[in-house]
Amino acid sequence: MHAFARMAMKNPLESVLGTILSGLVLTALLYLFLRNFILAGV
């Protein structure tokens, strides 16, 4: 656990990319969900 924390601290770019990727994935899922929900409602 400590080794992982040290690795994360040493390479902030990886955590930033991870955060951006997570955000994109969540946004895509939310978009698909809302699109299907709206299409089903119409």
Protein backbone atom coordinates (compact mmCIF):
# COMPACT_ATOMS: atom_id res chain seq x y z
CA MET A 1 0.00 0.00 0.00
CA HIS A 2 2.81 2.40 0.92
CA ALA A 3 4.70 1.51 -2.25
CA PHE A 4 1.61 2.35 -4.31
CA ALA A 5 1.18 5.67 -2.49
CA ARG A 6 4.82 6.54 -3.11
CA MET A 7 4.49 5.60 -6.79
CA ALA A 8 1.36 7.76 -7.11
CA MET A 9 3.15 10.68 -5.47
CA LYS A 10 6.18 10.25 -7.72
CA ASN A 11 4.15 10.33 -10.93
CA PRO A 12 1.28 12.87 -10.65
CA LEU A 13 0.69 12.73 -14.42
CA GLU A 14 -0.61 9.16 -14.13
CA SER A 15 -3.16 10.09 -11.48
CA VAL A 16 -4.23 13.11 -13.54
CA LEU A 17 -4.72 10.94 -16.64
CA GLY A 18 -6.56 8.39 -14.51
CA THR A 19 -8.88 11.10 -13.20
CA ILE A 20 -9.54 12.43 -16.71
CA LEU A 21 -10.17 8.93 -18.07
CA SER A 22 -12.56 8.16 -15.21
CA GLY A 23 -14.40 11.42 -15.88
CA LEU A 24 -14.69 10.66 -19.60
CA VAL A 25 -15.98 7.15 -18.94
CA LEU A 26 -18.56 8.39 -16.42
CA THR A 27 -19.62 11.17 -18.79
CA ALA A 28 -20.02 8.70 -21.66
CA LEU A 29 -22.09 6.35 -19.51
CA LEU A 30 -24.27 9.20 -18.28
CA TYR A 31 -24.72 10.47 -21.86
CA LEU A 32 -25.73 7.02 -23.15
CA PHE A 33 -28.10 6.52 -20.22
CA LEU A 34 -29.77 9.90 -20.71
CA ARG A 35 -29.97 9.41 -24.50
CA ASN A 36 -31.64 6.00 -24.11
CA PHE A 37 -33.93 7.38 -21.39
CA ILE A 38 -35.01 10.30 -23.59
CA LEU A 39 -35.49 8.07 -26.66
CA ALA A 40 -37.58 5.65 -24.59
CA GLY A 41 -39.65 8.58 -23.26
CA VAL A 42 -40.36 9.86 -26.78
